[in-house]
Amino acid sequence: MRAVISPSGPGAFTSFSQAAAALKDCKEPLELFLENGFYEERVLLEWEDYTLTGESRDGVILTAGSGAFDPHPLEGKTGTFRTATAFLGGGRCRVKNMTIRNTAGDGSRAGQALAVYADAAQVYMENVTLLGNQDTLFAAPLPLRERIPGGFTGPRKDAPRRPSRQLYRNCLIAGNIDFIFGGADAVFQHCILRPLVPEKGVCYLAAPSTPQHQEFGYLFDHCRVEGTCAPGQVFLARPWRRYGAAGFLDCTFSGEVASQVFDPWGDKANQATSRFFLWNCTGPQGPLSPAFGLEVTPRLVRSAREHIARQLELFGIKESL
């Protein structure tokens, strides 16, 4: 089934939310085509098989500005996981050619503010721009347990922790604090990762909470890290949970990347359990020597490349960008 969304009116629906409500019981594969326009709304999607296709990457803008510090009508504050501009649940989700953003502002004032909560069992994004500050992209699932009571309040707080396989190709993801985080098995290929200057402190790119039994968490393949931070002010990853995993292969870094590369999130014990590594990455500072991480072996690199190939195959991708 195919439906058109057009804010100017000629399509079947004039807003994203209107289409989501009208088609909420759709059981067949669904494609929503969004004509160029400014969609100022928040959406929660739960279809089993759906595709969101924009007319153009810069012309279709889904935007909202909810932050964790905002008051909530039912209790205290909104919290991290009720801020998403787009909640993408369900079975198999594909998103192409659009911009999704959260404009709440810097985390020191607004708190965490998700542009996307990617929760579907399979998530594929291509030619998508994700804009935010703290916690731009949550690549689900949540960790098993909260550290702070109420910290997981939101659409999946009490749900089983279902694995999610995700692939991001030719995307731009911008933020400043843990702007890619969560427990997904996710590959980022040919993406631009744009660190933005936070109002306080330094920038942290990825914060994986990879389950211990999961071989890989985030794999960044031929990505570019380049943003607006001062030299040495960007850490590529820190573990949100003990066994957080992130690998960077054939990536290009700006001088913003800190010489230590990774951060243990205030706990030296994480240096022994987190699973971070670099392979064949370049930047103006020359070869980087992470302060901690996995020993890089031919077997590790081969396994990572094979895993990337399987992820591409899962989503029917055969060609390289």
Protein backbone atom coordinates (compact mmCIF):
# COMPACT_ATOMS: atom_id res chain seq x y z
CA MET A 1 0.00 0.00 0.00
CA ARG A 2 1.25 3.49 -0.85
CA ALA A 3 0.11 6.84 0.51
CA VAL A 4 1.25 10.40 -0.12
CA ILE A 5 1.72 13.12 2.48
CA SER A 6 1.77 16.71 1.26
CA PRO A 7 1.59 19.76 3.54
CA SER A 8 0.26 21.78 0.60
CA GLY A 9 -2.84 19.59 0.37
CA PRO A 10 -2.94 17.63 -2.91
CA GLY A 11 -1.83 14.38 -1.30
CA ALA A 12 -4.04 11.94 0.56
CA PHE A 13 -2.83 13.34 3.90
CA THR A 14 -1.60 16.77 4.94
CA SER A 15 0.49 15.71 7.92
CA PHE A 16 2.59 12.79 9.06
CA SER A 17 0.46 12.35 12.17
CA GLN A 18 -2.75 12.28 10.15
CA ALA A 19 -1.42 9.49 7.97
CA ALA A 20 -0.11 7.51 10.95
CA ALA A 21 -3.48 7.69 12.69
CA ALA A 22 -5.50 6.78 9.61
CA LEU A 23 -3.28 3.84 8.71
CA LYS A 24 -2.45 2.57 12.19
CA ASP A 25 -4.18 -0.77 11.57
CA CYS A 26 -2.49 -1.42 8.22
CA LYS A 27 -1.17 -4.99 8.07
CA GLU A 28 0.34 -5.02 4.58
CA PRO A 29 3.70 -3.48 3.57
CA LEU A 30 3.25 0.28 3.57
CA GLU A 31 5.10 3.09 1.82
CA LEU A 32 4.59 6.70 2.85
CA PHE A 33 5.89 9.23 0.32
CA LEU A 34 6.49 12.66 1.82
CA GLU A 35 6.49 15.63 -0.51
CA ASN A 36 8.84 18.48 0.27
CA GLY A 37 7.68 20.47 3.26
CA PHE A 38 8.16 21.35 6.89
CA TYR A 39 6.49 18.78 9.16
CA GLU A 40 6.42 20.23 12.66
CA GLU A 41 5.14 17.23 14.60
CA ARG A 42 6.13 14.12 16.54
CA VAL A 43 5.27 10.65 15.28
CA LEU A 44 5.11 7.17 16.79
CA LEU A 45 5.08 4.36 14.22
CA GLU A 46 4.55 0.65 14.90
CA TRP A 47 3.81 -1.03 11.54
CA GLU A 48 5.22 -4.44 10.73
CA ASP A 49 6.75 -3.43 7.39
CA TYR A 50 6.99 0.18 6.26
CA THR A 51 9.05 2.63 4.23
CA LEU A 52 9.24 6.39 4.66
CA THR A 53 10.53 8.07 1.50
CA GLY A 54 11.08 11.80 1.20
CA GLU A 55 10.98 13.78 -2.03
CA SER A 56 14.41 15.20 -1.15
CA ARG A 57 16.80 15.01 1.76
CA ASP A 58 16.91 18.74 2.48
CA GLY A 59 13.34 19.42 1.39
CA VAL A 60 11.52 17.07 3.78
CA ILE A 61 12.06 18.18 7.37
CA LEU A 62 10.39 16.43 10.30
CA THR A 63 11.00 18.57 13.35
CA ALA A 64 10.05 18.96 17.01
CA GLY A 65 11.71 20.30 20.14
CA SER A 66 10.98 18.12 23.15
CA GLY A 67 13.67 17.85 25.84
CA ALA A 68 14.06 15.63 28.89
CA PHE A 69 13.85 18.61 31.25
CA ASP A 70 10.46 19.69 29.86
CA PRO A 71 7.56 19.31 32.30
CA HIS A 72 5.34 16.31 31.61
CA PRO A 73 1.55 16.48 32.07
CA LEU A 74 1.45 13.24 34.08
CA GLU A 75 4.62 13.42 36.12
CA GLY A 76 7.59 15.66 36.83
CA LYS A 77 9.77 15.84 33.77
CA THR A 78 9.48 14.33 30.31
CA GLY A 79 12.65 12.21 30.54
CA THR A 80 14.94 11.04 27.76
CA PHE A 81 12.82 8.39 26.09
CA ARG A 82 9.66 10.46 25.65
CA THR A 83 11.41 13.19 23.64
CA ALA A 84 11.80 11.54 20.21
CA THR A 85 10.69 13.47 17.16
CA ALA A 86 10.25 10.09 15.44
CA PHE A 87 9.71 6.80 17.26
CA LEU A 88 10.29 4.00 14.75
CA GLY A 89 8.93 0.76 16.15
CA GLY A 90 7.48 -2.36 14.59
CA GLY A 91 9.15 -4.99 12.45
CA ARG A 92 11.00 -3.68 9.39
CA CYS A 93 11.50 0.07 8.89
CA ARG A 94 13.19 1.90 6.03
CA VAL A 95 13.76 5.67 5.91
CA LYS A 96 15.15 7.50 2.89
CA ASN A 97 15.76 11.07 1.72
CA MET A 98 14.75 13.32 4.60
CA THR A 99 15.90 15.30 7.62
CA ILE A 100 14.71 14.51 11.15
CA ARG A 101 15.67 16.83 13.94
CA ASN A 102 15.14 17.74 17.57
CA THR A 103 15.53 21.46 18.21
CA ALA A 104 15.24 21.43 22.04
CA GLY A 105 18.77 22.79 22.35
CA ASP A 106 21.90 21.99 24.29
CA GLY A 107 21.63 19.24 26.87
CA SER A 108 22.83 21.50 29.67
CA ARG A 109 19.57 23.44 29.29
CA ALA A 110 17.11 21.06 27.61
CA GLY A 111 18.36 17.67 28.78
CA GLN A 112 18.52 14.70 26.45
CA ALA A 113 16.54 15.20 23.24
CA LEU A 114 16.13 12.42 20.69
CA ALA A 115 15.64 13.07 17.02
CA VAL A 116 15.02 9.35 16.43
CA TYR A 117 14.19 6.41 18.68
CA ALA A 118 15.06 3.50 16.35
CA ASP A 119 13.34 0.49 17.91
CA ALA A 120 12.15 -1.67 15.02
CA ALA A 121 13.58 -5.17 14.69
CA GLN A 122 15.25 -3.98 11.48
CA VAL A 123 16.02 -0.34 10.69
CA TYR A 124 17.53 0.91 7.44
CA MET A 125 18.30 4.57 6.72
CA GLU A 126 19.79 6.00 3.54
CA ASN A 127 20.41 9.64 2.63
CA VAL A 128 18.98 10.80 5.95
CA THR A 129 20.13 13.71 8.11
CA LEU A 130 19.63 13.42 11.88
CA LEU A 131 20.14 16.63 13.85
CA GLY A 132 20.22 17.20 17.59
CA ASN A 133 22.50 17.82 20.53
CA GLN A 134 22.54 15.29 23.38
CA ASP A 135 21.30 11.79 22.43
CA THR A 136 20.36 12.52 18.81
CA LEU A 137 19.92 8.86 17.80
CA PHE A 138 18.85 6.12 20.18
CA ALA A 139 19.56 2.78 18.53
CA ALA A 140 17.52 0.40 20.70
CA PRO A 141 17.23 -1.77 22.72
CA LEU A 142 17.51 -0.33 26.19
CA PRO A 143 19.86 -1.93 28.72
CA LEU A 144 18.26 -4.46 31.03
CA ARG A 145 18.25 -2.25 34.11
CA GLU A 146 18.00 1.43 34.89
CA ARG A 147 20.70 3.14 36.90
CA ILE A 148 18.32 5.89 38.02
CA PRO A 149 14.71 5.02 38.94
CA GLY A 150 12.41 6.19 36.16
CA GLY A 151 15.32 6.69 33.77
CA PHE A 152 13.79 4.47 31.09
CA THR A 153 10.26 5.86 31.33
CA GLY A 154 8.86 5.84 27.83
CA PRO A 155 7.36 3.56 25.17
CA ARG A 156 9.60 0.54 25.89
CA LYS A 157 10.38 0.84 29.62
CA ASP A 158 8.83 -2.51 30.63
CA ALA A 159 9.00 -4.27 27.26
CA PRO A 160 11.26 -7.28 26.58
CA ARG A 161 14.66 -6.18 25.29
CA ARG A 162 14.32 -7.25 21.66
CA PRO A 163 17.48 -7.22 19.50
CA SER A 164 17.58 -4.72 16.66
CA ARG A 165 19.73 -4.84 13.53
CA GLN A 166 20.30 -1.48 11.91
CA LEU A 167 22.08 -0.04 8.88
CA TYR A 168 22.77 3.63 8.13
CA ARG A 169 24.22 4.52 4.70
CA ASN A 170 25.22 7.93 3.43
CA CYS A 171 23.65 9.62 6.45
CA LEU A 172 24.69 12.70 8.39
CA ILE A 173 24.32 12.48 12.16
CA ALA A 174 25.06 15.53 14.30
CA GLY A 175 25.15 16.11 18.05
CA ASN A 176 27.45 16.69 20.98
CA ILE A 177 26.90 14.31 23.93
CA ASP A 178 26.48 10.57 23.28
CA PHE A 179 24.70 11.43 20.07
CA ILE A 180 24.57 7.80 18.95
CA PHE A 181 23.69 5.49 21.83
CA GLY A 182 21.94 2.23 22.75
CA GLY A 183 22.28 -1.53 22.40
CA ALA A 184 21.66 -2.10 18.68
CA ASP A 185 23.72 -4.17 16.29
CA ALA A 186 24.28 -1.24 13.93
CA VAL A 187 26.47 -0.56 10.91
CA PHE A 188 27.19 3.01 9.76
CA GLN A 189 28.60 3.08 6.25
CA HIS A 190 29.84 6.17 4.40
CA CYS A 191 28.26 8.45 6.99
CA ILE A 192 29.29 11.91 8.17
CA LEU A 193 29.43 12.09 11.96
CA ARG A 194 29.34 15.73 12.98
CA PRO A 195 30.41 16.59 16.54
CA LEU A 196 29.01 19.92 17.71
CA VAL A 197 30.48 22.07 20.48
CA PRO A 198 28.57 21.49 23.74
CA GLU A 199 27.95 24.42 26.04
CA LYS A 200 29.73 22.51 28.80
CA GLY A 201 32.54 19.95 28.62
CA VAL A 202 33.76 17.90 25.69
CA CYS A 203 31.98 15.92 22.99
CA TYR A 204 31.26 12.18 23.07
CA LEU A 205 30.20 10.58 19.80
CA ALA A 206 28.99 7.03 20.55
CA ALA A 207 27.76 5.49 23.80
CA PRO A 208 26.96 1.83 23.12
CA SER A 209 25.26 -0.39 25.69
CA THR A 210 25.97 -3.59 23.78
CA PRO A 211 24.81 -6.79 25.53
CA GLN A 212 27.73 -8.97 26.59
CA HIS A 213 26.69 -11.88 24.35
CA GLN A 214 26.48 -9.70 21.21
CA GLU A 215 29.65 -9.87 19.12
CA PHE A 216 29.46 -6.36 17.69
CA GLY A 217 27.69 -3.19 18.71
CA TYR A 218 28.41 -0.27 16.38
CA LEU A 219 30.64 -0.66 13.33
CA PHE A 220 31.58 2.55 11.51
CA ASP A 221 32.79 1.75 8.00
CA HIS A 222 34.34 4.44 5.79
CA CYS A 223 32.80 7.23 7.85
CA ARG A 224 34.07 10.77 8.33
CA VAL A 225 34.21 12.53 11.71
CA GLU A 226 34.24 16.27 11.15
CA GLY A 227 32.41 18.95 13.09
CA THR A 228 32.77 22.23 14.95
CA CYS A 229 34.78 21.23 18.05
CA ALA A 230 38.27 22.39 18.99
CA PRO A 231 41.23 20.05 18.49
CA GLY A 232 41.27 17.14 20.94
CA GLN A 233 37.73 17.74 22.22
CA VAL A 234 35.94 14.71 20.77
CA PHE A 235 35.98 11.19 22.18
CA LEU A 236 34.82 8.61 19.66
CA ALA A 237 33.10 6.35 22.20
CA ARG A 238 32.43 5.68 25.86
CA PRO A 239 30.54 2.67 27.25
CA TRP A 240 27.00 3.32 28.47
CA ARG A 241 27.19 -0.19 29.89
CA ARG A 242 30.23 -2.32 30.71
CA TYR A 243 30.44 -4.31 27.47
CA GLY A 244 29.77 -1.46 25.06
CA ALA A 245 31.24 -2.24 21.62
CA ALA A 246 32.25 0.12 18.80
CA GLY A 247 34.69 -0.32 15.94
CA PHE A 248 35.91 2.24 13.41
CA LEU A 249 37.24 0.83 10.13
CA ASP A 250 38.74 2.88 7.27
CA CYS A 251 37.41 6.11 8.76
CA THR A 252 38.70 9.65 8.39
CA PHE A 253 38.99 11.90 11.45
CA SER A 254 39.44 15.62 11.85
CA GLY A 255 41.86 17.03 14.41
CA GLU A 256 38.92 17.22 16.84
CA VAL A 257 39.44 13.62 17.97
CA ALA A 258 41.18 13.34 21.36
CA SER A 259 44.52 11.55 21.50
CA GLN A 260 43.05 9.04 24.00
CA VAL A 261 40.30 8.31 21.42
CA PHE A 262 37.99 6.52 23.89
CA ASP A 263 36.73 7.46 27.36
CA PRO A 264 35.89 4.99 30.20
CA TRP A 265 32.97 7.10 31.49
CA GLY A 266 34.54 7.76 34.87
CA ASP A 267 35.19 4.10 35.70
CA LYS A 268 38.59 2.55 34.99
CA ALA A 269 37.00 -0.92 35.22
CA ASN A 270 35.29 -0.18 31.90
CA GLN A 271 38.68 -0.16 30.21
CA ALA A 272 38.88 -3.93 30.69
CA THR A 273 35.35 -4.77 29.54
CA SER A 274 34.39 -2.29 26.80
CA ARG A 275 35.12 -3.47 23.27
CA PHE A 276 36.41 -0.56 21.22
CA PHE A 277 38.87 -0.55 18.34
CA LEU A 278 40.25 1.38 15.36
CA TRP A 279 41.49 -0.05 12.08
CA ASN A 280 43.14 1.80 9.21
CA CYS A 281 41.79 5.20 10.24
CA THR A 282 43.48 8.46 9.26
CA GLY A 283 43.55 12.07 10.37
CA PRO A 284 45.82 15.12 10.57
CA GLN A 285 47.14 14.03 13.98
CA GLY A 286 48.67 10.90 12.44
CA PRO A 287 48.11 7.36 13.73
CA LEU A 288 46.00 7.33 16.89
CA SER A 289 46.80 5.08 19.83
CA PRO A 290 43.69 4.51 21.96
CA ALA A 291 44.25 4.57 25.72
CA PHE A 292 42.37 1.26 25.94
CA GLY A 293 40.36 -1.13 23.77
CA LEU A 294 40.55 -4.44 21.98
CA GLU A 295 43.75 -5.80 20.53
CA VAL A 296 43.32 -5.40 16.80
CA THR A 297 44.06 -8.69 15.05
CA PRO A 298 43.50 -9.89 11.48
CA ARG A 299 40.78 -12.15 12.85
CA LEU A 300 38.94 -9.23 14.49
CA VAL A 301 39.09 -7.15 11.32
CA ARG A 302 37.96 -10.08 9.16
CA SER A 303 35.05 -10.80 11.52
CA ALA A 304 34.00 -7.15 11.48
CA ARG A 305 34.06 -6.99 7.68
CA GLU A 306 32.06 -10.20 7.44
CA HIS A 307 29.54 -8.79 9.87
CA ILE A 308 29.19 -5.63 7.77
CA ALA A 309 28.63 -7.79 4.67
CA ARG A 310 25.89 -9.76 6.45
CA GLN A 311 24.18 -6.53 7.48
CA LEU A 312 24.20 -5.28 3.90
CA GLU A 313 22.81 -8.61 2.72
CA LEU A 314 20.02 -8.47 5.32
CA PHE A 315 18.78 -5.21 3.80
CA GLY A 316 19.27 -6.30 0.21
CA ILE A 317 22.25 -4.01 -0.43
CA LYS A 318 24.65 -5.40 -3.02
CA GLU A 319 26.58 -2.39 -4.27
CA SER A 320 29.06 -0.14 -2.50
CA LEU A 321 28.56 3.60 -2.29
